[in-house]
Amino acid sequence: MKIFTLGLLAASCMFAQKVQIEFDPSVDFSKFTTFAIRDARLNSKNPSLNSELVKKRINFDIQKFLEKKGLTFVAEGPSSLNVRYTLGSVRGAKIEAYPAGWYGYGTRIVRVPFTEGTLVLDLRDPSTQSLVWRAIAKVDKSDASKIEGKLDDMVKKSIDKYPPKR
């Protein structure tokens, strides 16, 4: 029973989503009232993550969640904040050891394949061309199609941390 519980705990940690933010503490974020999505890059060999539909979905989520924060979307023309993002994925494998054999004295080594998806959201001040805020959302899943299902959540959790708390 302990082995099963440890396995569930390890699996939940392995598939956890992490969001890390960085920001310029000297910037007054209250001056930003409008935003525009200027650049989007998708870097994945998997077609389920590298398509125009994924880009449109991320654009929609960014627009929806930033508007909830009180910013106004500008499709064309000048804005007080430019949004750029990159979505990438990489395949890998983790090695896990489990007790095996009589009375759990042996060890079984298992190679567990996974795909890590990373969404980097950059907010730039167009007047100075400087990066003022960045969110990096990472998620590990067994395959890329499951990362696609987490995109909305990755964008939401990232934008939930905007504006930064001092």
C-alpha atoms as a PDB file:
ATOM      1  CA  MET A   1       0.000   0.000   0.000  1.00  0.00           C
ATOM      2  CA  LYS A   2       2.869   2.373   0.761  1.00  0.00           C
ATOM      3  CA  ILE A   3       4.335   1.741  -2.689  1.00  0.00           C
ATOM      4  CA  PHE A   4       1.020   2.631  -4.347  1.00  0.00           C
ATOM      5  CA  THR A   5       0.724   5.864  -2.332  1.00  0.00           C
ATOM      6  CA  LEU A   6       4.306   6.840  -3.155  1.00  0.00           C
ATOM      7  CA  GLY A   7       3.642   6.110  -6.823  1.00  0.00           C
ATOM      8  CA  LEU A   8       0.591   8.372  -6.846  1.00  0.00           C
ATOM      9  CA  LEU A   9       2.526  11.129  -5.104  1.00  0.00           C
ATOM     10  CA  ALA A  10       5.391  10.843  -7.585  1.00  0.00           C
ATOM     11  CA  ALA A  11       2.978  10.875 -10.526  1.00  0.00           C
ATOM     12  CA  SER A  12       1.200  13.984  -9.261  1.00  0.00           C
ATOM     13  CA  CYS A  13       4.542  15.773  -8.825  1.00  0.00           C
ATOM     14  CA  MET A  14       5.735  14.660 -12.240  1.00  0.00           C
ATOM     15  CA  PHE A  15       2.680  16.129 -13.971  1.00  0.00           C
ATOM     16  CA  ALA A  16       2.498  19.304 -11.886  1.00  0.00           C
ATOM     17  CA  GLN A  17       2.329  22.668 -13.529  1.00  0.00           C
ATOM     18  CA  LYS A  18       4.752  25.349 -12.408  1.00  0.00           C
ATOM     19  CA  VAL A  19       4.517  29.083 -13.123  1.00  0.00           C
ATOM     20  CA  GLN A  20       7.431  31.386 -12.421  1.00  0.00           C
ATOM     21  CA  ILE A  21       7.340  35.150 -12.921  1.00  0.00           C
ATOM     22  CA  GLU A  22       9.990  37.815 -13.291  1.00  0.00           C
ATOM     23  CA  PHE A  23       9.391  41.558 -13.459  1.00  0.00           C
ATOM     24  CA  ASP A  24      11.116  44.909 -13.379  1.00  0.00           C
ATOM     25  CA  PRO A  25      10.463  46.353  -9.892  1.00  0.00           C
ATOM     26  CA  SER A  26      11.068  49.916 -11.078  1.00  0.00           C
ATOM     27  CA  VAL A  27       8.090  49.852 -13.477  1.00  0.00           C
ATOM     28  CA  ASP A  28       4.709  51.355 -12.557  1.00  0.00           C
ATOM     29  CA  PHE A  29       2.288  48.734 -13.909  1.00  0.00           C
ATOM     30  CA  SER A  30      -0.740  50.985 -13.395  1.00  0.00           C
ATOM     31  CA  LYS A  31       0.291  53.038 -16.455  1.00  0.00           C
ATOM     32  CA  PHE A  32      -0.447  50.112 -18.779  1.00  0.00           C
ATOM     33  CA  THR A  33      -4.038  50.302 -19.985  1.00  0.00           C
ATOM     34  CA  THR A  34      -3.969  48.722 -23.454  1.00  0.00           C
ATOM     35  CA  PHE A  35      -2.226  45.709 -24.936  1.00  0.00           C
ATOM     36  CA  ALA A  36      -1.598  44.103 -28.296  1.00  0.00           C
ATOM     37  CA  ILE A  37      -0.355  40.637 -29.174  1.00  0.00           C
ATOM     38  CA  ARG A  38       2.620  41.331 -31.415  1.00  0.00           C
ATOM     39  CA  ASP A  39       4.560  38.109 -31.799  1.00  0.00           C
ATOM     40  CA  ALA A  40       3.792  34.434 -31.297  1.00  0.00           C
ATOM     41  CA  ARG A  41       6.160  31.527 -31.818  1.00  0.00           C
ATOM     42  CA  LEU A  42       5.397  27.836 -31.638  1.00  0.00           C
ATOM     43  CA  ASN A  43       8.452  25.574 -31.361  1.00  0.00           C
ATOM     44  CA  SER A  44       7.310  21.981 -31.350  1.00  0.00           C
ATOM     45  CA  LYS A  45       7.839  19.029 -33.637  1.00  0.00           C
ATOM     46  CA  ASN A  46       4.444  17.722 -32.617  1.00  0.00           C
ATOM     47  CA  PRO A  47       1.672  18.885 -34.987  1.00  0.00           C
ATOM     48  CA  SER A  48      -0.873  19.036 -32.152  1.00  0.00           C
ATOM     49  CA  LEU A  49       1.144  21.893 -30.592  1.00  0.00           C
ATOM     50  CA  ASN A  50       2.450  23.523 -33.771  1.00  0.00           C
ATOM     51  CA  SER A  51      -0.619  24.817 -35.607  1.00  0.00           C
ATOM     52  CA  GLU A  52      -2.492  28.019 -36.319  1.00  0.00           C
ATOM     53  CA  LEU A  53      -5.400  26.743 -34.206  1.00  0.00           C
ATOM     54  CA  VAL A  54      -3.156  26.510 -31.126  1.00  0.00           C
ATOM     55  CA  LYS A  55      -1.885  30.033 -31.794  1.00  0.00           C
ATOM     56  CA  LYS A  56      -5.461  31.360 -32.098  1.00  0.00           C
ATOM     57  CA  ARG A  57      -6.442  29.588 -28.898  1.00  0.00           C
ATOM     58  CA  ILE A  58      -3.528  31.069 -26.936  1.00  0.00           C
ATOM     59  CA  ASN A  59      -4.243  34.534 -28.401  1.00  0.00           C
ATOM     60  CA  PHE A  60      -7.884  34.236 -27.327  1.00  0.00           C
ATOM     61  CA  ASP A  61      -6.894  33.161 -23.800  1.00  0.00           C
ATOM     62  CA  ILE A  62      -4.367  35.976 -23.426  1.00  0.00           C
ATOM     63  CA  GLN A  63      -6.942  38.506 -24.592  1.00  0.00           C
ATOM     64  CA  LYS A  64      -9.657  37.119 -22.302  1.00  0.00           C
ATOM     65  CA  PHE A  65      -7.532  36.987 -19.150  1.00  0.00           C
ATOM     66  CA  LEU A  66      -5.797  40.349 -19.637  1.00  0.00           C
ATOM     67  CA  GLU A  67      -9.160  42.010 -20.259  1.00  0.00           C
ATOM     68  CA  LYS A  68     -10.336  40.545 -16.947  1.00  0.00           C
ATOM     69  CA  LYS A  69      -7.356  42.347 -15.389  1.00  0.00           C
ATOM     70  CA  GLY A  70      -8.720  45.663 -16.734  1.00  0.00           C
ATOM     71  CA  LEU A  71      -6.550  46.084 -19.834  1.00  0.00           C
ATOM     72  CA  THR A  72      -8.083  46.868 -23.233  1.00  0.00           C
ATOM     73  CA  PHE A  73      -7.151  44.863 -26.335  1.00  0.00           C
ATOM     74  CA  VAL A  74      -5.897  46.810 -29.355  1.00  0.00           C
ATOM     75  CA  ALA A  75      -5.920  44.828 -32.604  1.00  0.00           C
ATOM     76  CA  GLU A  76      -3.945  47.412 -34.588  1.00  0.00           C
ATOM     77  CA  GLY A  77      -2.076  50.577 -33.827  1.00  0.00           C
ATOM     78  CA  PRO A  78      -0.189  51.689 -30.749  1.00  0.00           C
ATOM     79  CA  SER A  79      -0.624  50.059 -27.346  1.00  0.00           C
ATOM     80  CA  SER A  80       0.882  50.675 -23.926  1.00  0.00           C
ATOM     81  CA  LEU A  81       1.943  47.022 -23.597  1.00  0.00           C
ATOM     82  CA  ASN A  82       3.087  44.485 -26.182  1.00  0.00           C
ATOM     83  CA  VAL A  83       2.563  40.775 -25.581  1.00  0.00           C
ATOM     84  CA  ARG A  84       4.915  38.192 -27.062  1.00  0.00           C
ATOM     85  CA  TYR A  85       4.906  34.507 -26.332  1.00  0.00           C
ATOM     86  CA  THR A  86       6.678  31.287 -27.187  1.00  0.00           C
ATOM     87  CA  LEU A  87       5.308  27.777 -26.763  1.00  0.00           C
ATOM     88  CA  GLY A  88       7.789  24.935 -26.976  1.00  0.00           C
ATOM     89  CA  SER A  89       7.886  21.263 -26.169  1.00  0.00           C
ATOM     90  CA  VAL A  90      10.602  18.691 -25.725  1.00  0.00           C
ATOM     91  CA  ARG A  91      10.453  14.937 -25.268  1.00  0.00           C
ATOM     92  CA  GLY A  92      12.434  13.186 -22.592  1.00  0.00           C
ATOM     93  CA  ALA A  93      12.458  10.291 -20.174  1.00  0.00           C
ATOM     94  CA  LYS A  94      12.759  10.017 -16.416  1.00  0.00           C
ATOM     95  CA  ILE A  95      14.257   7.053 -14.676  1.00  0.00           C
ATOM     96  CA  GLU A  96      12.289   5.792 -11.684  1.00  0.00           C
ATOM     97  CA  ALA A  97      13.196   3.051  -9.229  1.00  0.00           C
ATOM     98  CA  TYR A  98      10.574   0.871  -7.537  1.00  0.00           C
ATOM     99  CA  PRO A  99      10.960  -1.834  -4.905  1.00  0.00           C
ATOM    100  CA  ALA A 100      10.598  -5.270  -6.472  1.00  0.00           C
ATOM    101  CA  GLY A 101      11.225  -8.917  -5.722  1.00  0.00           C
ATOM    102  CA  TRP A 102      10.617 -10.895  -2.567  1.00  0.00           C
ATOM    103  CA  TYR A 103       9.789  -8.624   0.350  1.00  0.00           C
ATOM    104  CA  GLY A 104      10.758  -5.564  -1.710  1.00  0.00           C
ATOM    105  CA  TYR A 105      14.505  -6.173  -1.435  1.00  0.00           C
ATOM    106  CA  GLY A 106      15.165  -5.767  -5.146  1.00  0.00           C
ATOM    107  CA  THR A 107      14.878  -2.662  -7.281  1.00  0.00           C
ATOM    108  CA  ARG A 108      13.096  -2.296 -10.592  1.00  0.00           C
ATOM    109  CA  ILE A 109      14.264   0.525 -12.860  1.00  0.00           C
ATOM    110  CA  VAL A 110      11.627   1.942 -15.203  1.00  0.00           C
ATOM    111  CA  ARG A 111      12.090   4.502 -17.992  1.00  0.00           C
ATOM    112  CA  VAL A 112       9.051   6.809 -18.067  1.00  0.00           C
ATOM    113  CA  PRO A 113       8.702   8.917 -21.252  1.00  0.00           C
ATOM    114  CA  PHE A 114       7.259  12.418 -20.976  1.00  0.00           C
ATOM    115  CA  THR A 115       6.868  15.650 -22.903  1.00  0.00           C
ATOM    116  CA  GLU A 116       7.617  18.973 -21.245  1.00  0.00           C
ATOM    117  CA  GLY A 117       5.690  21.974 -22.506  1.00  0.00           C
ATOM    118  CA  THR A 118       6.847  25.507 -21.770  1.00  0.00           C
ATOM    119  CA  LEU A 119       4.904  28.698 -22.402  1.00  0.00           C
ATOM    120  CA  VAL A 120       6.888  31.927 -22.035  1.00  0.00           C
ATOM    121  CA  LEU A 121       4.736  35.066 -21.909  1.00  0.00           C
ATOM    122  CA  ASP A 122       6.594  38.376 -22.257  1.00  0.00           C
ATOM    123  CA  LEU A 123       5.066  41.800 -21.665  1.00  0.00           C
ATOM    124  CA  ARG A 124       7.100  44.654 -23.132  1.00  0.00           C
ATOM    125  CA  ASP A 125       6.847  48.400 -22.822  1.00  0.00           C
ATOM    126  CA  PRO A 126       6.841  49.685 -26.448  1.00  0.00           C
ATOM    127  CA  SER A 127       8.022  53.161 -25.417  1.00  0.00           C
ATOM    128  CA  THR A 128      11.324  51.778 -24.086  1.00  0.00           C
ATOM    129  CA  GLN A 129      11.377  48.418 -25.919  1.00  0.00           C
ATOM    130  CA  SER A 130      12.182  46.776 -22.583  1.00  0.00           C
ATOM    131  CA  LEU A 131      10.861  43.608 -21.009  1.00  0.00           C
ATOM    132  CA  VAL A 132       8.795  44.539 -17.942  1.00  0.00           C
ATOM    133  CA  TRP A 133       7.145  41.213 -16.994  1.00  0.00           C
ATOM    134  CA  ARG A 134       7.666  37.558 -17.867  1.00  0.00           C
ATOM    135  CA  ALA A 135       5.821  34.383 -16.933  1.00  0.00           C
ATOM    136  CA  ILE A 136       7.211  30.927 -17.591  1.00  0.00           C
ATOM    137  CA  ALA A 137       4.661  28.122 -17.298  1.00  0.00           C
ATOM    138  CA  LYS A 138       5.917  24.533 -17.472  1.00  0.00           C
ATOM    139  CA  VAL A 139       3.967  21.323 -17.510  1.00  0.00           C
ATOM    140  CA  ASP A 140       5.118  17.706 -17.860  1.00  0.00           C
ATOM    141  CA  LYS A 141       2.752  15.246 -19.494  1.00  0.00           C
ATOM    142  CA  SER A 142       2.994  11.824 -21.023  1.00  0.00           C
ATOM    143  CA  ASP A 143       2.414  13.198 -24.534  1.00  0.00           C
ATOM    144  CA  ALA A 144       1.995  16.481 -26.397  1.00  0.00           C
ATOM    145  CA  SER A 145      -1.756  16.118 -26.946  1.00  0.00           C
ATOM    146  CA  LYS A 146      -2.236  16.288 -23.166  1.00  0.00           C
ATOM    147  CA  ILE A 147      -0.170  19.475 -23.035  1.00  0.00           C
ATOM    148  CA  GLU A 148      -2.554  20.975 -25.577  1.00  0.00           C
ATOM    149  CA  GLY A 149      -5.366  20.332 -23.103  1.00  0.00           C
ATOM    150  CA  LYS A 150      -3.495  22.365 -20.457  1.00  0.00           C
ATOM    151  CA  LEU A 151      -2.834  25.473 -22.584  1.00  0.00           C
ATOM    152  CA  ASP A 152      -5.827  27.431 -21.234  1.00  0.00           C
ATOM    153  CA  ASP A 153      -4.730  26.689 -17.687  1.00  0.00           C
ATOM    154  CA  MET A 154      -1.122  27.648 -18.433  1.00  0.00           C
ATOM    155  CA  VAL A 155      -2.205  31.064 -19.753  1.00  0.00           C
ATOM    156  CA  LYS A 156      -4.675  31.628 -16.904  1.00  0.00           C
ATOM    157  CA  LYS A 157      -2.194  30.762 -14.143  1.00  0.00           C
ATOM    158  CA  SER A 158       0.419  32.987 -15.744  1.00  0.00           C
ATOM    159  CA  ILE A 159      -1.837  36.027 -16.113  1.00  0.00           C
ATOM    160  CA  ASP A 160      -3.270  35.498 -12.616  1.00  0.00           C
ATOM    161  CA  LYS A 161       0.154  36.688 -11.392  1.00  0.00           C
ATOM    162  CA  TYR A 162      -0.147  40.018 -13.265  1.00  0.00           C
ATOM    163  CA  PRO A 163       0.338  42.754 -12.106  1.00  0.00           C
ATOM    164  CA  PRO A 164       3.107  41.611  -9.796  1.00  0.00           C
ATOM    165  CA  LYS A 165       2.788  42.068  -6.051  1.00  0.00           C
ATOM    166  CA  ARG A 166       5.542  44.208  -4.587  1.00  0.00           C
END
